[in-house]
């Protein structure tokens, strides 16, 4: 959590762009959502010309973003709207400001359907999750120690 898939026109982003955008996305979750840095995964999928279709027509200027949230879900409608505004602001220099068409959506996965390195992640904001954040990796633990 979170897992981002960013489908882009081929060569829309340089490797430096991808790193900067990944860092911007990671900052949202570390600074606002308060999850360990290593929870944030971003996958870029460069799409060759004539492989992205919108409304039945090829659109070689379209960026589609699919996000899965697991470690933190929910919030009020107002909180979710604020979160989407933060995301749009982080995306803008890479997508909107470059003249791309774009769309984003977020799915929420139940916590009990998540494992990392075979481990059940510790409860949100627990001492063990804080240790995972400090170590920037999953640390084996006994469930009762969370």
N, C-alpha and C. Protein backbone atom coordinates (compact mmCIF):
# COMPACT_ATOMS: atom_id res chain seq x y z
N UNK A 1 0.84 -1.18 0.00
CA UNK A 1 0.00 0.00 0.00
C UNK A 1 0.87 1.22 0.00
N UNK A 2 0.66 2.09 -0.79
CA UNK A 2 -0.15 2.07 -1.97
C UNK A 2 0.64 1.52 -3.16
N UNK A 3 -0.10 1.03 -4.12
CA UNK A 3 0.50 0.53 -5.36
C UNK A 3 -0.07 1.36 -6.50
N UNK A 4 0.79 2.01 -7.24
CA UNK A 4 0.39 2.86 -8.36
C UNK A 4 0.86 2.23 -9.67
N UNK A 5 -0.04 2.16 -10.63
CA UNK A 5 0.33 1.82 -12.01
C UNK A 5 0.03 3.05 -12.85
N UNK A 6 1.05 3.52 -13.55
CA UNK A 6 0.92 4.71 -14.38
C UNK A 6 1.17 4.31 -15.82
N UNK A 7 0.10 4.32 -16.61
CA UNK A 7 0.17 3.99 -18.02
C UNK A 7 0.39 5.29 -18.78
N UNK A 8 1.48 5.37 -19.53
CA UNK A 8 1.83 6.61 -20.21
C UNK A 8 2.14 6.36 -21.68
N UNK A 9 2.01 7.42 -22.50
CA UNK A 9 2.50 7.29 -23.86
C UNK A 9 3.99 6.95 -23.82
N UNK A 10 4.42 6.15 -24.76
CA UNK A 10 5.82 5.77 -24.82
C UNK A 10 6.70 7.01 -24.83
N UNK A 11 7.72 7.02 -23.99
CA UNK A 11 8.70 8.10 -23.88
C UNK A 11 8.11 9.41 -23.34
N UNK A 12 6.96 9.34 -22.68
CA UNK A 12 6.39 10.56 -22.09
C UNK A 12 7.25 11.05 -20.93
N UNK A 13 7.86 10.11 -20.21
CA UNK A 13 8.68 10.46 -19.05
C UNK A 13 10.09 9.90 -19.22
N UNK A 14 11.06 10.72 -18.86
CA UNK A 14 12.44 10.25 -18.82
C UNK A 14 12.64 9.44 -17.53
N UNK A 15 13.74 8.70 -17.43
CA UNK A 15 14.01 8.03 -16.15
C UNK A 15 14.05 9.03 -14.98
N UNK A 16 14.56 10.23 -15.21
CA UNK A 16 14.61 11.24 -14.15
C UNK A 16 13.19 11.69 -13.77
N UNK A 17 12.33 11.87 -14.77
CA UNK A 17 10.93 12.21 -14.51
C UNK A 17 10.28 11.14 -13.64
N UNK A 18 10.50 9.89 -14.00
CA UNK A 18 9.89 8.79 -13.26
C UNK A 18 10.36 8.78 -11.81
N UNK A 19 11.64 9.01 -11.61
CA UNK A 19 12.16 9.05 -10.24
C UNK A 19 11.57 10.22 -9.47
N UNK A 20 11.51 11.40 -10.10
CA UNK A 20 10.96 12.57 -9.42
C UNK A 20 9.48 12.39 -9.10
N UNK A 21 8.72 11.84 -10.03
CA UNK A 21 7.30 11.61 -9.79
C UNK A 21 7.11 10.56 -8.70
N UNK A 22 7.91 9.51 -8.73
CA UNK A 22 7.83 8.48 -7.68
C UNK A 22 8.14 9.06 -6.32
N UNK A 23 9.13 9.94 -6.25
CA UNK A 23 9.46 10.60 -4.98
C UNK A 23 8.31 11.50 -4.53
N UNK A 24 7.68 12.20 -5.47
CA UNK A 24 6.55 13.08 -5.12
C UNK A 24 5.38 12.25 -4.59
N UNK A 25 5.11 11.12 -5.23
CA UNK A 25 4.04 10.23 -4.79
C UNK A 25 4.37 9.67 -3.41
N UNK A 26 5.59 9.22 -3.23
CA UNK A 26 6.02 8.67 -1.94
C UNK A 26 5.87 9.70 -0.83
N UNK A 27 6.20 10.96 -1.13
CA UNK A 27 6.10 12.01 -0.11
C UNK A 27 4.67 12.18 0.39
N UNK A 28 3.69 11.97 -0.48
CA UNK A 28 2.29 12.07 -0.06
C UNK A 28 2.02 11.08 1.07
N UNK A 29 2.46 9.85 0.87
CA UNK A 29 2.13 8.78 1.80
C UNK A 29 2.96 8.81 3.07
N UNK A 30 4.20 9.25 2.96
CA UNK A 30 5.06 9.34 4.15
C UNK A 30 4.65 10.54 5.00
N UNK A 31 4.40 11.68 4.36
CA UNK A 31 4.14 12.92 5.10
C UNK A 31 2.68 13.12 5.49
N UNK A 32 1.75 12.63 4.70
CA UNK A 32 0.33 12.87 4.98
C UNK A 32 -0.34 11.64 5.59
N UNK A 33 -0.08 10.49 5.01
CA UNK A 33 -0.75 9.26 5.43
C UNK A 33 0.02 8.55 6.54
N UNK A 34 1.33 8.84 6.65
CA UNK A 34 2.19 8.29 7.71
C UNK A 34 2.35 6.78 7.60
N UNK A 35 2.83 6.34 6.41
CA UNK A 35 3.15 4.93 6.24
C UNK A 35 4.65 4.80 5.98
N UNK A 36 5.20 3.61 6.22
CA UNK A 36 6.61 3.39 5.89
C UNK A 36 6.87 3.64 4.39
N UNK A 37 8.01 4.22 4.12
CA UNK A 37 8.38 4.59 2.76
C UNK A 37 8.31 3.39 1.80
N UNK A 38 8.76 2.23 2.26
CA UNK A 38 8.81 1.08 1.36
C UNK A 38 7.43 0.53 1.01
N UNK A 39 6.39 0.99 1.66
CA UNK A 39 5.03 0.59 1.29
C UNK A 39 4.65 1.14 -0.09
N UNK A 40 5.27 2.23 -0.50
CA UNK A 40 4.87 2.92 -1.73
C UNK A 40 5.58 2.29 -2.94
N UNK A 41 4.78 1.76 -3.86
CA UNK A 41 5.30 1.14 -5.08
C UNK A 41 4.67 1.84 -6.27
N UNK A 42 5.51 2.25 -7.22
CA UNK A 42 5.04 2.93 -8.43
C UNK A 42 5.58 2.17 -9.63
N UNK A 43 4.69 1.76 -10.50
CA UNK A 43 5.06 1.02 -11.71
C UNK A 43 4.66 1.85 -12.92
N UNK A 44 5.63 2.16 -13.76
CA UNK A 44 5.35 2.89 -15.00
C UNK A 44 5.23 1.90 -16.13
N UNK A 45 4.20 2.07 -16.92
CA UNK A 45 3.98 1.21 -18.08
C UNK A 45 3.91 2.10 -19.32
N UNK A 46 5.00 2.09 -20.09
CA UNK A 46 5.04 2.86 -21.33
C UNK A 46 4.21 2.13 -22.38
N UNK A 47 3.27 2.84 -22.96
CA UNK A 47 2.37 2.25 -23.93
C UNK A 47 2.76 2.72 -25.34
N UNK A 48 3.08 1.77 -26.23
CA UNK A 48 3.40 2.15 -27.61
C UNK A 48 2.23 2.87 -28.28
N UNK A 49 2.53 3.61 -29.33
CA UNK A 49 1.49 4.33 -30.08
C UNK A 49 0.37 3.37 -30.48
N UNK A 50 -0.82 3.90 -30.48
CA UNK A 50 -2.02 3.17 -30.89
C UNK A 50 -2.35 1.97 -30.00
N UNK A 51 -2.00 2.06 -28.70
CA UNK A 51 -2.41 1.00 -27.76
C UNK A 51 -3.33 1.53 -26.67
N UNK A 52 -3.44 2.84 -26.54
CA UNK A 52 -4.36 3.44 -25.57
C UNK A 52 -5.52 4.03 -26.37
N UNK A 53 -6.73 3.58 -26.04
CA UNK A 53 -7.93 4.05 -26.73
C UNK A 53 -8.87 4.68 -25.71
N UNK A 54 -9.39 5.83 -26.05
CA UNK A 54 -10.34 6.53 -25.21
C UNK A 54 -11.57 6.81 -26.07
N UNK A 55 -12.71 6.32 -25.63
CA UNK A 55 -13.92 6.52 -26.41
C UNK A 55 -13.86 5.87 -27.78
N UNK A 56 -13.10 4.78 -27.89
CA UNK A 56 -12.99 4.05 -29.14
C UNK A 56 -11.97 4.60 -30.12
N UNK A 57 -11.26 5.63 -29.72
CA UNK A 57 -10.27 6.25 -30.60
C UNK A 57 -8.89 6.23 -29.95
N UNK A 58 -7.86 5.99 -30.75
CA UNK A 58 -6.49 6.00 -30.24
C UNK A 58 -6.19 7.37 -29.65
N UNK A 59 -5.57 7.37 -28.46
CA UNK A 59 -5.18 8.63 -27.82
C UNK A 59 -3.75 8.43 -27.31
N UNK A 60 -2.80 8.94 -28.06
CA UNK A 60 -1.39 8.79 -27.73
C UNK A 60 -0.89 9.90 -26.82
N UNK A 61 -1.82 10.59 -26.17
CA UNK A 61 -1.48 11.66 -25.23
C UNK A 61 -2.13 11.42 -23.88
N UNK A 62 -2.57 10.19 -23.62
CA UNK A 62 -3.38 9.88 -22.46
C UNK A 62 -2.54 9.19 -21.38
N UNK A 63 -2.68 9.66 -20.15
CA UNK A 63 -2.03 9.05 -18.99
C UNK A 63 -3.14 8.49 -18.09
N UNK A 64 -3.07 7.21 -17.81
CA UNK A 64 -4.08 6.55 -16.97
C UNK A 64 -3.39 6.04 -15.72
N UNK A 65 -3.95 6.37 -14.57
CA UNK A 65 -3.33 6.01 -13.29
C UNK A 65 -4.33 5.19 -12.49
N UNK A 66 -3.85 4.03 -12.06
CA UNK A 66 -4.65 3.12 -11.24
C UNK A 66 -3.90 2.94 -9.92
N UNK A 67 -4.61 3.17 -8.81
CA UNK A 67 -3.98 3.11 -7.48
C UNK A 67 -4.73 2.11 -6.62
N UNK A 68 -4.00 1.29 -5.90
CA UNK A 68 -4.57 0.40 -4.89
C UNK A 68 -4.10 0.86 -3.52
N UNK A 69 -5.04 1.06 -2.61
CA UNK A 69 -4.75 1.40 -1.22
C UNK A 69 -5.07 0.21 -0.35
N UNK A 70 -4.17 -0.08 0.58
CA UNK A 70 -4.41 -1.19 1.49
C UNK A 70 -4.16 -0.76 2.93
N UNK A 71 -2.97 -0.25 3.24
CA UNK A 71 -2.58 0.04 4.63
C UNK A 71 -3.47 1.09 5.29
N UNK A 72 -3.97 2.02 4.50
CA UNK A 72 -4.87 3.05 5.02
C UNK A 72 -6.04 3.16 4.06
N UNK A 73 -7.23 3.05 4.56
CA UNK A 73 -8.44 3.16 3.75
C UNK A 73 -9.40 4.16 4.35
N UNK A 74 -10.34 4.57 3.52
CA UNK A 74 -11.48 5.32 4.02
C UNK A 74 -11.24 6.79 4.23
N UNK A 75 -11.81 7.28 5.28
CA UNK A 75 -11.85 8.70 5.53
C UNK A 75 -13.19 9.25 5.12
N UNK A 76 -13.45 10.46 5.52
CA UNK A 76 -14.70 11.10 5.14
C UNK A 76 -14.63 11.54 3.68
N UNK A 77 -15.77 11.88 3.13
CA UNK A 77 -15.80 12.38 1.76
C UNK A 77 -14.92 13.64 1.63
N UNK A 78 -14.94 14.48 2.64
CA UNK A 78 -14.12 15.70 2.63
C UNK A 78 -12.63 15.35 2.67
N UNK A 79 -12.24 14.39 3.50
CA UNK A 79 -10.84 13.96 3.57
C UNK A 79 -10.39 13.36 2.25
N UNK A 80 -11.24 12.54 1.64
CA UNK A 80 -10.89 11.93 0.36
C UNK A 80 -10.74 13.00 -0.72
N UNK A 81 -11.63 13.98 -0.72
CA UNK A 81 -11.53 15.08 -1.70
C UNK A 81 -10.23 15.86 -1.51
N UNK A 82 -9.87 16.12 -0.27
CA UNK A 82 -8.61 16.81 0.00
C UNK A 82 -7.41 16.00 -0.45
N UNK A 83 -7.48 14.70 -0.22
CA UNK A 83 -6.39 13.81 -0.63
C UNK A 83 -6.25 13.80 -2.15
N UNK A 84 -7.38 13.75 -2.85
CA UNK A 84 -7.32 13.78 -4.32
C UNK A 84 -6.75 15.10 -4.82
N UNK A 85 -7.03 16.19 -4.12
CA UNK A 85 -6.46 17.49 -4.50
C UNK A 85 -4.94 17.48 -4.35
N UNK A 86 -4.45 16.87 -3.28
CA UNK A 86 -3.00 16.76 -3.09
C UNK A 86 -2.39 15.93 -4.22
N UNK A 87 -3.03 14.82 -4.55
CA UNK A 87 -2.53 13.97 -5.64
C UNK A 87 -2.49 14.75 -6.95
N UNK A 88 -3.57 15.45 -7.27
CA UNK A 88 -3.61 16.23 -8.52
C UNK A 88 -2.48 17.26 -8.55
N UNK A 89 -2.19 17.89 -7.42
CA UNK A 89 -1.12 18.89 -7.36
C UNK A 89 0.24 18.24 -7.61
N UNK A 90 0.45 17.05 -7.07
CA UNK A 90 1.73 16.35 -7.27
C UNK A 90 1.88 15.86 -8.71
N UNK A 91 0.77 15.48 -9.34
CA UNK A 91 0.80 15.00 -10.72
C UNK A 91 0.97 16.13 -11.73
N UNK A 92 0.45 17.32 -11.41
CA UNK A 92 0.35 18.42 -12.37
C UNK A 92 1.64 18.70 -13.15
N UNK A 93 2.80 18.82 -12.50
CA UNK A 93 3.99 19.15 -13.28
C UNK A 93 4.38 18.08 -14.31
N UNK A 94 3.92 16.86 -14.10
CA UNK A 94 4.29 15.76 -14.98
C UNK A 94 3.20 15.43 -16.00
N UNK A 95 1.98 15.81 -15.70
CA UNK A 95 0.86 15.41 -16.55
C UNK A 95 0.14 16.65 -17.10
N UNK A 96 -0.59 17.32 -16.26
CA UNK A 96 -1.39 18.48 -16.69
C UNK A 96 -0.53 19.55 -17.35
N UNK A 97 0.56 19.94 -16.69
CA UNK A 97 1.40 21.02 -17.19
C UNK A 97 2.10 20.68 -18.50
N UNK A 98 2.15 19.39 -18.82
CA UNK A 98 2.77 18.95 -20.09
C UNK A 98 1.72 18.72 -21.17
N UNK A 99 0.47 19.00 -20.85
CA UNK A 99 -0.58 18.92 -21.84
C UNK A 99 -1.16 17.54 -22.08
N UNK A 100 -0.90 16.60 -21.17
CA UNK A 100 -1.47 15.26 -21.31
C UNK A 100 -2.93 15.24 -20.86
N UNK A 101 -3.71 14.38 -21.47
CA UNK A 101 -5.02 14.01 -20.95
C UNK A 101 -4.75 12.99 -19.85
N UNK A 102 -5.58 12.95 -18.80
CA UNK A 102 -5.32 11.99 -17.74
C UNK A 102 -6.58 11.61 -17.00
N UNK A 103 -6.45 10.47 -16.31
CA UNK A 103 -7.51 9.98 -15.45
C UNK A 103 -6.87 9.16 -14.34
N UNK A 104 -7.45 9.21 -13.15
CA UNK A 104 -6.92 8.48 -12.01
C UNK A 104 -8.09 7.91 -11.20
N UNK A 105 -7.88 6.74 -10.64
CA UNK A 105 -8.84 6.21 -9.68
C UNK A 105 -8.10 5.42 -8.61
N UNK A 106 -8.75 5.30 -7.45
CA UNK A 106 -8.18 4.57 -6.32
C UNK A 106 -9.14 3.48 -5.89
N UNK A 107 -8.62 2.25 -5.79
CA UNK A 107 -9.36 1.13 -5.22
C UNK A 107 -8.83 0.89 -3.82
N UNK A 108 -9.69 0.38 -2.95
CA UNK A 108 -9.28 0.06 -1.58
C UNK A 108 -9.42 -1.44 -1.36
N UNK A 109 -8.33 -2.07 -0.94
CA UNK A 109 -8.27 -3.50 -0.70
C UNK A 109 -8.39 -3.77 0.80
N UNK A 110 -9.15 -4.77 1.21
CA UNK A 110 -9.24 -5.09 2.64
C UNK A 110 -7.87 -5.50 3.20
N UNK A 111 -7.59 -5.07 4.42
CA UNK A 111 -6.31 -5.37 5.07
C UNK A 111 -6.01 -6.86 5.17
N UNK A 112 -7.05 -7.68 5.36
CA UNK A 112 -6.79 -9.10 5.55
C UNK A 112 -6.38 -9.81 4.25
N UNK A 113 -6.38 -9.08 3.14
CA UNK A 113 -5.93 -9.64 1.87
C UNK A 113 -4.57 -9.07 1.46
N UNK A 114 -3.75 -8.74 2.45
CA UNK A 114 -2.45 -8.12 2.19
C UNK A 114 -1.36 -8.80 2.99
N UNK A 115 -0.25 -9.08 2.34
CA UNK A 115 0.97 -9.58 2.98
C UNK A 115 2.15 -8.89 2.31
N UNK A 116 3.21 -8.70 3.04
CA UNK A 116 4.44 -8.18 2.45
C UNK A 116 5.59 -9.04 2.95
N UNK A 117 6.34 -9.59 2.02
CA UNK A 117 7.42 -10.53 2.34
C UNK A 117 6.89 -11.69 3.18
N UNK A 118 5.63 -12.07 2.94
CA UNK A 118 5.00 -13.16 3.66
C UNK A 118 4.52 -12.80 5.05
N UNK A 119 4.66 -11.54 5.43
CA UNK A 119 4.27 -11.11 6.77
C UNK A 119 2.95 -10.33 6.74
N UNK A 120 2.17 -10.51 7.79
CA UNK A 120 1.00 -9.67 7.98
C UNK A 120 1.51 -8.32 8.48
N UNK A 121 1.28 -7.24 7.74
CA UNK A 121 1.76 -5.94 8.21
C UNK A 121 1.17 -5.58 9.57
N UNK A 122 1.95 -4.90 10.38
CA UNK A 122 1.46 -4.52 11.71
C UNK A 122 0.34 -3.50 11.62
N UNK A 123 -0.42 -3.38 12.68
CA UNK A 123 -1.51 -2.39 12.70
C UNK A 123 -1.00 -0.97 12.46
N UNK A 124 -1.84 -0.17 11.84
CA UNK A 124 -1.51 1.22 11.56
C UNK A 124 -1.12 1.95 12.83
N UNK A 125 -0.04 2.71 12.73
CA UNK A 125 0.44 3.60 13.80
C UNK A 125 0.97 2.86 15.02
N UNK A 126 1.11 1.53 14.93
CA UNK A 126 1.63 0.75 16.06
C UNK A 126 3.14 0.93 16.18
N UNK A 127 3.68 0.53 17.32
CA UNK A 127 5.13 0.59 17.51
C UNK A 127 5.85 -0.24 16.45
N UNK A 128 5.27 -1.40 16.09
CA UNK A 128 5.91 -2.23 15.09
C UNK A 128 5.90 -1.56 13.72
N UNK A 129 4.81 -0.91 13.36
CA UNK A 129 4.79 -0.19 12.09
C UNK A 129 5.82 0.94 12.10
N UNK A 130 5.98 1.59 13.24
CA UNK A 130 7.01 2.63 13.35
C UNK A 130 8.40 2.05 13.17
N UNK A 131 8.61 0.83 13.68
CA UNK A 131 9.90 0.16 13.47
C UNK A 131 10.09 -0.16 11.99
N UNK A 132 9.05 -0.65 11.35
CA UNK A 132 9.14 -0.93 9.91
C UNK A 132 9.50 0.35 9.15
N UNK A 133 8.91 1.46 9.53
CA UNK A 133 9.21 2.74 8.87
C UNK A 133 10.66 3.13 9.11
N UNK A 134 11.12 2.98 10.34
CA UNK A 134 12.50 3.33 10.67
C UNK A 134 13.50 2.46 9.91
N UNK A 135 13.22 1.17 9.85
CA UNK A 135 14.10 0.22 9.15
C UNK A 135 13.91 0.27 7.63
N UNK A 136 12.79 0.83 7.18
CA UNK A 136 12.41 0.89 5.77
C UNK A 136 12.36 -0.50 5.13
N UNK A 137 11.82 -1.45 5.91
CA UNK A 137 11.66 -2.83 5.44
C UNK A 137 10.77 -3.57 6.42
N UNK A 138 10.19 -4.69 5.97
CA UNK A 138 9.41 -5.50 6.92
C UNK A 138 10.34 -6.19 7.90
N UNK A 139 9.94 -6.19 9.15
CA UNK A 139 10.72 -6.85 10.21
C UNK A 139 9.82 -7.93 10.82
N UNK A 140 10.27 -9.19 10.80
CA UNK A 140 9.44 -10.26 11.38
C UNK A 140 9.08 -9.96 12.84
N UNK A 141 7.88 -10.33 13.22
CA UNK A 141 7.41 -10.10 14.58
C UNK A 141 6.30 -11.09 14.88
N UNK A 142 6.01 -11.22 16.15
CA UNK A 142 4.87 -12.03 16.60
C UNK A 142 3.65 -11.14 16.58
N UNK A 143 2.52 -11.66 16.10
CA UNK A 143 1.31 -10.85 16.01
C UNK A 143 0.95 -10.18 17.33
N UNK A 144 1.17 -10.84 18.44
CA UNK A 144 0.83 -10.24 19.74
C UNK A 144 1.74 -9.07 20.10
N UNK A 145 2.90 -8.94 19.39
CA UNK A 145 3.85 -7.88 19.68
C UNK A 145 3.50 -6.57 18.95
N UNK A 146 2.41 -6.54 18.24
CA UNK A 146 2.07 -5.34 17.47
C UNK A 146 1.49 -4.29 18.39
